[in-house]
Amino acid sequence: MHVRRDERGLTLIEVLVAIAILGIIAVPLANAVIGFIRNTDDTTRRLNESHDAQIMVAYFAQDVQSVGVRDWAKDGFPLKQSVFPNVDQCGAAGVSKAVVTFAWDDLARSDVVRVSYVVMTRGAERQLHRIRCTASSTSDTVLAHNVDGDPILSCTAPIDCSAAPGVPQRVTLKVTIKADGGQQPFTVTLDGQRRQT
């Protein structure tokens, strides 16, 4: 009687070849995963910075377009001063000074809307806030994180920001943002043009 050997299993050479192939595949795969993780952090940071810039641009342009408080008691309803640099936010004394406050008439509610751009420190972070005030409500929106230094305000045509009682045609605000990860700070220039004449 002849006994057959069991053919199941692997030889030593087959095991060594499989380990060598696995090593050849694993090294580039590990490098790809490590690179993905590193790039994910950088990409997330850049997206957050881009998001802040987009939010600031959208709100600022809209607010400057709306600027204009009318003097309803005078003939022709002339514009009163509607841009206020370095004042208390939304006209509330004793509160953080705003870089700039814009005001305009809300005819639907027979009210004046005031929007202040204020740099506030929250923990170790300086943030640019947009505080919107009316007679009945106040809202606070964080527009940018990691603000570096004070934003720079400028107004043009026909008057400077600090002139009263006129209203400037164009308002610009330069905000510098500190980039994470040792990158150079970058400046976002917010520019808006008033619609009313």
C-alpha atoms as a PDB file:
ATOM      1  CA  MET A   1       0.000   0.000   0.000  1.00  0.00           C
ATOM      2  CA  HIS A   2       1.277   3.403  -1.028  1.00  0.00           C
ATOM      3  CA  VAL A   3       0.750   6.421   1.396  1.00  0.00           C
ATOM      4  CA  ARG A   4       0.194   9.782  -0.287  1.00  0.00           C
ATOM      5  CA  ARG A   5       1.760  12.891   1.165  1.00  0.00           C
ATOM      6  CA  ASP A   6      -0.395  15.918   1.966  1.00  0.00           C
ATOM      7  CA  GLU A   7       0.347  18.664  -0.580  1.00  0.00           C
ATOM      8  CA  ARG A   8      -1.284  21.514   1.377  1.00  0.00           C
ATOM      9  CA  GLY A   9       0.916  24.359   2.711  1.00  0.00           C
ATOM     10  CA  LEU A  10       3.685  26.600   1.430  1.00  0.00           C
ATOM     11  CA  THR A  11       7.309  26.034   0.856  1.00  0.00           C
ATOM     12  CA  LEU A  12       9.943  28.283   2.405  1.00  0.00           C
ATOM     13  CA  ILE A  13      10.737  29.811  -0.981  1.00  0.00           C
ATOM     14  CA  GLU A  14       7.091  30.710  -1.587  1.00  0.00           C
ATOM     15  CA  VAL A  15       6.889  32.414   1.812  1.00  0.00           C
ATOM     16  CA  LEU A  16      10.090  34.420   1.173  1.00  0.00           C
ATOM     17  CA  VAL A  17       8.880  35.542  -2.259  1.00  0.00           C
ATOM     18  CA  ALA A  18       5.515  36.640  -0.801  1.00  0.00           C
ATOM     19  CA  ILE A  19       7.267  38.679   1.941  1.00  0.00           C
ATOM     20  CA  ALA A  20       9.559  40.351  -0.607  1.00  0.00           C
ATOM     21  CA  ILE A  21       6.606  41.316  -2.825  1.00  0.00           C
ATOM     22  CA  LEU A  22       4.665  42.585   0.192  1.00  0.00           C
ATOM     23  CA  GLY A  23       7.657  44.771   1.190  1.00  0.00           C
ATOM     24  CA  ILE A  24       7.885  46.201  -2.325  1.00  0.00           C
ATOM     25  CA  ILE A  25       4.180  47.114  -2.237  1.00  0.00           C
ATOM     26  CA  ALA A  26       4.025  48.307   1.388  1.00  0.00           C
ATOM     27  CA  VAL A  27       6.798  50.962   1.227  1.00  0.00           C
ATOM     28  CA  PRO A  28       5.227  53.134  -1.519  1.00  0.00           C
ATOM     29  CA  LEU A  29       1.776  52.581  -0.051  1.00  0.00           C
ATOM     30  CA  ALA A  30       2.948  53.794   3.380  1.00  0.00           C
ATOM     31  CA  ASN A  31       4.618  56.828   1.781  1.00  0.00           C
ATOM     32  CA  ALA A  32       1.384  57.655  -0.039  1.00  0.00           C
ATOM     33  CA  VAL A  33      -0.647  57.455   3.181  1.00  0.00           C
ATOM     34  CA  ILE A  34       1.846  59.633   5.104  1.00  0.00           C
ATOM     35  CA  GLY A  35       1.879  62.192   2.264  1.00  0.00           C
ATOM     36  CA  PHE A  36      -1.923  62.237   2.197  1.00  0.00           C
ATOM     37  CA  ILE A  37      -2.094  62.894   5.943  1.00  0.00           C
ATOM     38  CA  ARG A  38       0.431  65.748   5.707  1.00  0.00           C
ATOM     39  CA  ASN A  39      -1.321  67.300   2.713  1.00  0.00           C
ATOM     40  CA  THR A  40      -4.711  66.993   4.382  1.00  0.00           C
ATOM     41  CA  ASP A  41      -3.588  69.299   7.212  1.00  0.00           C
ATOM     42  CA  ASP A  42      -2.156  71.863   4.777  1.00  0.00           C
ATOM     43  CA  THR A  43      -5.217  71.683   2.554  1.00  0.00           C
ATOM     44  CA  THR A  44      -7.583  72.097   5.508  1.00  0.00           C
ATOM     45  CA  ARG A  45      -5.620  75.140   6.704  1.00  0.00           C
ATOM     46  CA  ARG A  46      -5.660  76.733   3.256  1.00  0.00           C
ATOM     47  CA  LEU A  47      -9.386  76.055   2.871  1.00  0.00           C
ATOM     48  CA  ASN A  48     -10.105  77.682   6.241  1.00  0.00           C
ATOM     49  CA  GLU A  49      -8.089  80.763   5.268  1.00  0.00           C
ATOM     50  CA  SER A  50      -9.819  80.911   1.881  1.00  0.00           C
ATOM     51  CA  HIS A  51     -13.208  80.548   3.574  1.00  0.00           C
ATOM     52  CA  ASP A  52     -12.453  83.486   5.887  1.00  0.00           C
ATOM     53  CA  ALA A  53     -11.405  85.647   2.933  1.00  0.00           C
ATOM     54  CA  GLN A  54     -14.568  84.798   0.971  1.00  0.00           C
ATOM     55  CA  ILE A  55     -16.818  85.546   3.942  1.00  0.00           C
ATOM     56  CA  MET A  56     -15.107  88.909   4.606  1.00  0.00           C
ATOM     57  CA  VAL A  57     -15.327  89.981   0.963  1.00  0.00           C
ATOM     58  CA  ALA A  58     -19.009  89.086   0.648  1.00  0.00           C
ATOM     59  CA  TYR A  59     -20.151  90.843   3.828  1.00  0.00           C
ATOM     60  CA  PHE A  60     -17.961  93.920   3.365  1.00  0.00           C
ATOM     61  CA  ALA A  61     -19.050  94.593  -0.223  1.00  0.00           C
ATOM     62  CA  GLN A  62     -22.716  94.209   0.749  1.00  0.00           C
ATOM     63  CA  ASP A  63     -22.382  96.513   3.765  1.00  0.00           C
ATOM     64  CA  VAL A  64     -20.593  99.277   1.843  1.00  0.00           C
ATOM     65  CA  GLN A  65     -23.193  99.084  -0.950  1.00  0.00           C
ATOM     66  CA  SER A  66     -25.942  99.714   1.591  1.00  0.00           C
ATOM     67  CA  VAL A  67     -24.288 102.692   3.345  1.00  0.00           C
ATOM     68  CA  GLY A  68     -26.413 105.809   3.555  1.00  0.00           C
ATOM     69  CA  VAL A  69     -28.529 107.361   6.306  1.00  0.00           C
ATOM     70  CA  ARG A  70     -30.862 110.068   5.011  1.00  0.00           C
ATOM     71  CA  ASP A  71     -31.908 113.204   6.843  1.00  0.00           C
ATOM     72  CA  TRP A  72     -35.665 112.834   6.394  1.00  0.00           C
ATOM     73  CA  ALA A  73     -36.337 116.241   7.992  1.00  0.00           C
ATOM     74  CA  LYS A  74     -34.575 118.248   5.259  1.00  0.00           C
ATOM     75  CA  ASP A  75     -35.645 118.941   1.683  1.00  0.00           C
ATOM     76  CA  GLY A  76     -34.120 116.522  -0.815  1.00  0.00           C
ATOM     77  CA  PHE A  77     -33.367 114.060   1.993  1.00  0.00           C
ATOM     78  CA  PRO A  78     -29.562 114.560   1.963  1.00  0.00           C
ATOM     79  CA  LEU A  79     -27.201 111.875   3.229  1.00  0.00           C
ATOM     80  CA  LYS A  80     -25.886 112.219   6.771  1.00  0.00           C
ATOM     81  CA  GLN A  81     -22.554 110.801   7.914  1.00  0.00           C
ATOM     82  CA  SER A  82     -22.852 107.028   7.565  1.00  0.00           C
ATOM     83  CA  VAL A  83     -19.264 105.778   7.918  1.00  0.00           C
ATOM     84  CA  PHE A  84     -17.694 106.065  11.371  1.00  0.00           C
ATOM     85  CA  PRO A  85     -14.051 105.007  11.884  1.00  0.00           C
ATOM     86  CA  ASN A  86     -12.766 104.117  15.361  1.00  0.00           C
ATOM     87  CA  VAL A  87     -16.026 104.510  17.267  1.00  0.00           C
ATOM     88  CA  ASP A  88     -17.763 102.313  19.826  1.00  0.00           C
ATOM     89  CA  GLN A  89     -19.326  99.357  18.069  1.00  0.00           C
ATOM     90  CA  CYS A  90     -22.912  99.978  17.002  1.00  0.00           C
ATOM     91  CA  GLY A  91     -22.893 103.168  19.036  1.00  0.00           C
ATOM     92  CA  ALA A  92     -22.776 101.329  22.376  1.00  0.00           C
ATOM     93  CA  ALA A  93     -20.462 103.236  24.711  1.00  0.00           C
ATOM     94  CA  GLY A  94     -17.952 101.261  26.718  1.00  0.00           C
ATOM     95  CA  VAL A  95     -17.840  98.394  24.229  1.00  0.00           C
ATOM     96  CA  SER A  96     -14.870  97.439  22.037  1.00  0.00           C
ATOM     97  CA  LYS A  97     -13.866 100.091  19.517  1.00  0.00           C
ATOM     98  CA  ALA A  98     -14.785  99.225  15.959  1.00  0.00           C
ATOM     99  CA  VAL A  99     -12.335  99.609  13.092  1.00  0.00           C
ATOM    100  CA  VAL A 100     -15.288 101.021  11.175  1.00  0.00           C
ATOM    101  CA  THR A 101     -19.057 101.245  11.595  1.00  0.00           C
ATOM    102  CA  PHE A 102     -21.423 101.581   8.639  1.00  0.00           C
ATOM    103  CA  ALA A 103     -25.003 102.828   8.910  1.00  0.00           C
ATOM    104  CA  TRP A 104     -27.967 102.800   6.542  1.00  0.00           C
ATOM    105  CA  ASP A 105     -31.728 103.235   6.584  1.00  0.00           C
ATOM    106  CA  ASP A 106     -33.929 100.151   6.689  1.00  0.00           C
ATOM    107  CA  LEU A 107     -37.088 101.603   5.182  1.00  0.00           C
ATOM    108  CA  ALA A 108     -39.072  98.392   5.624  1.00  0.00           C
ATOM    109  CA  ARG A 109     -38.693  98.665   9.405  1.00  0.00           C
ATOM    110  CA  SER A 110     -38.307 102.452   9.720  1.00  0.00           C
ATOM    111  CA  ASP A 111     -35.020 101.788  11.461  1.00  0.00           C
ATOM    112  CA  VAL A 112     -31.303 102.480  11.083  1.00  0.00           C
ATOM    113  CA  VAL A 113     -29.000  99.480  10.702  1.00  0.00           C
ATOM    114  CA  ARG A 114     -25.453  99.756  12.051  1.00  0.00           C
ATOM    115  CA  VAL A 115     -22.729  97.259  11.223  1.00  0.00           C
ATOM    116  CA  SER A 116     -19.402  97.395  13.066  1.00  0.00           C
ATOM    117  CA  TYR A 117     -16.197  95.608  12.105  1.00  0.00           C
ATOM    118  CA  VAL A 118     -14.394  94.868  15.363  1.00  0.00           C
ATOM    119  CA  VAL A 119     -11.175  92.976  16.163  1.00  0.00           C
ATOM    120  CA  MET A 120     -11.672  90.917  19.331  1.00  0.00           C
ATOM    121  CA  THR A 121      -9.383  88.547  21.183  1.00  0.00           C
ATOM    122  CA  ARG A 122     -10.865  85.141  21.977  1.00  0.00           C
ATOM    123  CA  GLY A 123      -8.399  83.015  23.907  1.00  0.00           C
ATOM    124  CA  ALA A 124      -5.071  83.319  22.090  1.00  0.00           C
ATOM    125  CA  GLU A 125      -6.729  84.207  18.779  1.00  0.00           C
ATOM    126  CA  ARG A 126      -7.569  87.636  17.352  1.00  0.00           C
ATOM    127  CA  GLN A 127     -10.762  87.552  15.299  1.00  0.00           C
ATOM    128  CA  LEU A 128     -12.519  90.020  13.035  1.00  0.00           C
ATOM    129  CA  HIS A 129     -16.203  90.231  13.992  1.00  0.00           C
ATOM    130  CA  ARG A 130     -19.109  91.787  12.113  1.00  0.00           C
ATOM    131  CA  ILE A 131     -21.626  93.088  14.640  1.00  0.00           C
ATOM    132  CA  ARG A 132     -24.994  94.111  13.187  1.00  0.00           C
ATOM    133  CA  CYS A 133     -27.260  96.259  15.356  1.00  0.00           C
ATOM    134  CA  THR A 134     -30.769  97.574  14.962  1.00  0.00           C
ATOM    135  CA  ALA A 135     -33.110  99.044  17.551  1.00  0.00           C
ATOM    136  CA  SER A 136     -34.492  95.554  18.248  1.00  0.00           C
ATOM    137  CA  SER A 137     -31.642  93.100  17.693  1.00  0.00           C
ATOM    138  CA  THR A 138     -27.896  92.483  17.595  1.00  0.00           C
ATOM    139  CA  SER A 139     -26.006  89.728  15.802  1.00  0.00           C
ATOM    140  CA  ASP A 140     -22.315  88.801  15.869  1.00  0.00           C
ATOM    141  CA  THR A 141     -20.579  86.942  13.031  1.00  0.00           C
ATOM    142  CA  VAL A 142     -16.920  85.895  13.073  1.00  0.00           C
ATOM    143  CA  LEU A 143     -15.483  86.832   9.672  1.00  0.00           C
ATOM    144  CA  ALA A 144     -11.805  85.938  10.118  1.00  0.00           C
ATOM    145  CA  HIS A 145      -9.516  84.103  12.499  1.00  0.00           C
ATOM    146  CA  ASN A 146      -5.848  84.774  13.319  1.00  0.00           C
ATOM    147  CA  VAL A 147      -5.960  88.491  12.485  1.00  0.00           C
ATOM    148  CA  ASP A 148      -2.453  89.971  12.553  1.00  0.00           C
ATOM    149  CA  GLY A 149      -2.233  93.617  13.579  1.00  0.00           C
ATOM    150  CA  ASP A 150      -4.984  96.179  13.108  1.00  0.00           C
ATOM    151  CA  PRO A 151      -6.942  96.379   9.857  1.00  0.00           C
ATOM    152  CA  ILE A 152      -6.247  99.508   7.782  1.00  0.00           C
ATOM    153  CA  LEU A 153      -9.248 101.566   6.661  1.00  0.00           C
ATOM    154  CA  SER A 154      -9.314 103.998   3.751  1.00  0.00           C
ATOM    155  CA  CYS A 155     -12.088 105.878   1.984  1.00  0.00           C
ATOM    156  CA  THR A 156     -12.154 107.745  -1.302  1.00  0.00           C
ATOM    157  CA  ALA A 157     -14.341 110.011  -3.385  1.00  0.00           C
ATOM    158  CA  PRO A 158     -15.658 112.401  -2.539  1.00  0.00           C
ATOM    159  CA  ILE A 159     -14.330 112.480   1.040  1.00  0.00           C
ATOM    160  CA  ASP A 160     -12.054 110.821   3.551  1.00  0.00           C
ATOM    161  CA  CYS A 161     -13.511 108.344   6.107  1.00  0.00           C
ATOM    162  CA  SER A 162     -13.203 110.779   8.976  1.00  0.00           C
ATOM    163  CA  ALA A 163     -14.895 113.685   7.178  1.00  0.00           C
ATOM    164  CA  ALA A 164     -18.403 114.553   8.242  1.00  0.00           C
ATOM    165  CA  PRO A 165     -21.191 114.801   7.271  1.00  0.00           C
ATOM    166  CA  GLY A 166     -20.433 113.406   3.805  1.00  0.00           C
ATOM    167  CA  VAL A 167     -20.441 109.784   2.777  1.00  0.00           C
ATOM    168  CA  PRO A 168     -17.501 108.229   0.861  1.00  0.00           C
ATOM    169  CA  GLN A 169     -18.158 106.512  -2.453  1.00  0.00           C
ATOM    170  CA  ARG A 170     -15.594 103.714  -1.946  1.00  0.00           C
ATOM    171  CA  VAL A 171     -14.316 102.097   1.260  1.00  0.00           C
ATOM    172  CA  THR A 172     -11.330  99.737   1.541  1.00  0.00           C
ATOM    173  CA  LEU A 173     -10.243  97.634   4.511  1.00  0.00           C
ATOM    174  CA  LYS A 174      -6.948  95.717   4.507  1.00  0.00           C
ATOM    175  CA  VAL A 175      -6.868  92.751   6.897  1.00  0.00           C
ATOM    176  CA  THR A 176      -3.698  90.727   7.489  1.00  0.00           C
ATOM    177  CA  ILE A 177      -4.159  87.077   8.434  1.00  0.00           C
ATOM    178  CA  LYS A 178      -1.490  84.961  10.142  1.00  0.00           C
ATOM    179  CA  ALA A 179      -1.112  81.695   8.276  1.00  0.00           C
ATOM    180  CA  ASP A 180      -0.660  78.506  10.299  1.00  0.00           C
ATOM    181  CA  GLY A 181       2.289  76.219   9.831  1.00  0.00           C
ATOM    182  CA  GLY A 182       4.963  78.908   9.696  1.00  0.00           C
ATOM    183  CA  GLN A 183       3.703  80.359   6.411  1.00  0.00           C
ATOM    184  CA  GLN A 184       3.982  84.082   5.658  1.00  0.00           C
ATOM    185  CA  PRO A 185       0.991  86.226   6.727  1.00  0.00           C
ATOM    186  CA  PHE A 186      -1.174  87.342   3.845  1.00  0.00           C
ATOM    187  CA  THR A 187      -3.315  90.436   3.350  1.00  0.00           C
ATOM    188  CA  VAL A 188      -6.902  90.428   2.152  1.00  0.00           C
ATOM    189  CA  THR A 189      -8.103  93.729   0.688  1.00  0.00           C
ATOM    190  CA  LEU A 190     -11.827  94.250   1.148  1.00  0.00           C
ATOM    191  CA  ASP A 191     -13.246  96.807  -1.244  1.00  0.00           C
ATOM    192  CA  GLY A 192     -16.782  98.127  -1.499  1.00  0.00           C
ATOM    193  CA  GLN A 193     -18.547 100.808  -3.463  1.00  0.00           C
ATOM    194  CA  ARG A 194     -21.666 102.609  -2.260  1.00  0.00           C
ATOM    195  CA  ARG A 195     -24.807 102.268  -4.406  1.00  0.00           C
ATOM    196  CA  GLN A 196     -26.654 105.342  -3.161  1.00  0.00           C
ATOM    197  CA  THR A 197     -25.938 108.811  -4.505  1.00  0.00           C
END
